[in-house]
């Protein structure tokens, strides 16, 4: 049965990830995805200017989901204590930025939402993506 075979493959892949053999591949996939997510930060401003608030909100939610997943990977990484502390500081700052973004959305301050996402959140995401690259042993700053 094809669906059962697919489910077994997924379970085996997940087990292999948990045992460490898939970790490198997963990180590389998240790095690739990070480039798309960084592009979302630029698209949000346009969506808001065009009155497509729901589209902008959907993009912000995608950024938040990516941020959460990257955080889990970085927390589980074997980074130095100082690097983990730096990542934790960025995590706290990002949560605050998402809260500011939410508050600006509630007051319909699209300029603030755009600025927060395009400049501040994008900058912090780029730093987290560099941290992922470092944890995968790849060059940073690309």
Protein backbone atom coordinates (compact mmCIF):
# COMPACT_ATOMS: atom_id res chain seq x y z
CA UNK A 1 0.00 0.00 0.00
CA UNK A 2 1.72 3.25 -1.16
CA UNK A 3 0.40 5.43 1.67
CA UNK A 4 1.73 3.00 4.28
CA UNK A 5 5.14 2.96 2.60
CA UNK A 6 5.20 6.75 2.63
CA UNK A 7 4.23 6.85 6.30
CA UNK A 8 6.96 4.35 7.16
CA UNK A 9 9.50 6.44 5.24
CA UNK A 10 8.45 9.52 7.19
CA UNK A 11 8.72 7.71 10.51
CA UNK A 12 12.15 6.30 9.60
CA UNK A 13 13.34 9.73 8.45
CA UNK A 14 12.13 11.26 11.69
CA UNK A 15 13.87 8.57 13.73
CA UNK A 16 17.08 9.11 11.79
CA UNK A 17 16.82 12.84 12.40
CA UNK A 18 16.33 12.28 16.11
CA UNK A 19 19.35 10.00 16.14
CA UNK A 20 21.43 12.72 14.45
CA UNK A 21 21.98 11.44 10.92
CA UNK A 22 19.48 13.86 9.36
CA UNK A 23 20.43 16.91 11.38
CA UNK A 24 22.93 18.31 8.85
CA UNK A 25 20.49 17.92 5.96
CA UNK A 26 17.68 19.56 7.94
CA UNK A 27 19.86 22.55 8.82
CA UNK A 28 20.87 22.98 5.19
CA UNK A 29 17.19 22.94 4.18
CA UNK A 30 16.38 25.56 6.82
CA UNK A 31 19.20 27.76 5.51
CA UNK A 32 17.74 27.56 2.00
CA UNK A 33 14.28 28.31 3.35
CA UNK A 34 15.74 31.29 5.23
CA UNK A 35 16.45 33.08 1.96
CA UNK A 36 12.77 32.85 1.03
CA UNK A 37 11.71 34.00 4.48
CA UNK A 38 14.00 37.03 4.23
CA UNK A 39 12.26 37.90 0.96
CA UNK A 40 8.92 37.81 2.79
CA UNK A 41 10.13 40.72 4.92
CA UNK A 42 10.34 42.85 1.77
CA UNK A 43 6.97 41.68 0.42
CA UNK A 44 5.08 42.68 3.56
CA UNK A 45 5.54 46.39 2.97
CA UNK A 46 4.14 46.12 -0.56
CA UNK A 47 1.20 44.04 0.61
CA UNK A 48 0.32 46.59 3.28
CA UNK A 49 0.62 49.51 0.84
CA UNK A 50 -1.71 47.69 -1.55
CA UNK A 51 -4.28 47.18 1.23
CA UNK A 52 -3.63 43.44 1.40
CA UNK A 53 -3.43 43.28 5.18
CA UNK A 54 -4.36 39.58 5.32
CA UNK A 55 -1.55 38.70 2.88
CA UNK A 56 0.90 40.67 5.01
CA UNK A 57 -0.34 38.96 8.15
CA UNK A 58 0.05 35.54 6.52
CA UNK A 59 3.65 36.38 5.60
CA UNK A 60 4.36 37.53 9.16
CA UNK A 61 2.94 34.25 10.45
CA UNK A 62 5.27 32.34 8.10
CA UNK A 63 8.21 34.35 9.42
CA UNK A 64 7.16 33.56 12.98
CA UNK A 65 6.89 29.83 12.22
CA UNK A 66 10.33 29.85 10.62
CA UNK A 67 11.72 31.76 13.60
CA UNK A 68 10.26 29.20 16.03
CA UNK A 69 11.71 26.26 14.09
CA UNK A 70 15.15 27.85 13.80
CA UNK A 71 15.12 28.55 17.52
CA UNK A 72 14.47 24.91 18.31
CA UNK A 73 17.36 23.85 16.09
CA UNK A 74 19.71 26.42 17.60
CA UNK A 75 18.75 25.49 21.15
CA UNK A 76 19.56 21.85 20.37
CA UNK A 77 22.80 22.73 18.57
CA UNK A 78 26.23 22.18 20.01
CA UNK A 79 27.14 25.87 19.93
CA UNK A 80 29.35 27.45 22.55
CA UNK A 81 27.78 28.92 25.67
CA UNK A 82 28.44 32.49 24.46
CA UNK A 83 26.84 31.74 21.07
CA UNK A 84 23.80 30.20 22.75
CA UNK A 85 23.51 33.28 24.97
CA UNK A 86 23.73 35.56 21.91
CA UNK A 87 21.02 33.50 20.16
CA UNK A 88 18.85 33.69 23.29
CA UNK A 89 19.23 37.48 23.33
CA UNK A 90 18.12 37.63 19.70
CA UNK A 91 15.18 35.33 20.48
CA UNK A 92 13.98 37.67 23.24
CA UNK A 93 14.43 40.70 20.96
CA UNK A 94 12.51 38.98 18.14
CA UNK A 95 9.59 38.18 20.43
CA UNK A 96 9.49 41.84 21.46
CA UNK A 97 9.59 42.91 17.80
CA UNK A 98 6.72 40.56 16.94
CA UNK A 99 4.75 42.07 19.84
CA UNK A 100 5.48 45.59 18.54
CA UNK A 101 4.42 44.48 15.09
CA UNK A 102 1.16 43.11 16.51
CA UNK A 103 0.49 46.35 18.40
CA UNK A 104 1.17 48.37 15.24
CA UNK A 105 -1.18 46.12 13.29
CA UNK A 106 -3.94 46.72 15.85
CA UNK A 107 -3.58 50.50 15.47
CA UNK A 108 -3.28 50.16 11.68
CA UNK A 109 0.16 51.78 11.72
CA UNK A 110 1.38 50.13 8.51
CA UNK A 111 4.52 52.26 8.38
CA UNK A 112 5.66 50.87 11.75
CA UNK A 113 4.75 47.31 10.77
CA UNK A 114 6.70 47.66 7.54
CA UNK A 115 9.74 49.19 9.24
CA UNK A 116 9.81 46.64 12.06
CA UNK A 117 9.58 43.70 9.69
CA UNK A 118 11.73 44.95 6.83
CA UNK A 119 14.59 46.31 8.91
CA UNK A 120 14.62 44.99 12.46
CA UNK A 121 13.15 41.51 12.08
CA UNK A 122 15.00 40.92 8.80
CA UNK A 123 18.31 41.88 10.43
CA UNK A 124 17.76 39.50 13.35
CA UNK A 125 16.66 36.69 11.03
CA UNK A 126 19.84 37.11 9.00
CA UNK A 127 21.87 36.73 12.20
CA UNK A 128 19.97 33.55 13.11
CA UNK A 129 20.52 32.16 9.62
CA UNK A 130 24.25 32.84 10.01
CA UNK A 131 24.11 30.96 13.32
CA UNK A 132 22.51 28.03 11.49
CA UNK A 133 25.29 28.16 8.91
CA UNK A 134 27.89 28.12 11.66
CA UNK A 135 26.23 25.14 13.33
CA UNK A 136 26.30 23.33 9.98
CA UNK A 137 29.93 24.29 9.38
CA UNK A 138 29.09 26.48 6.37
CA UNK A 139 30.43 29.92 5.46
CA UNK A 140 28.42 32.82 6.90
CA UNK A 141 27.48 36.23 5.56
CA UNK A 142 26.36 35.08 2.12
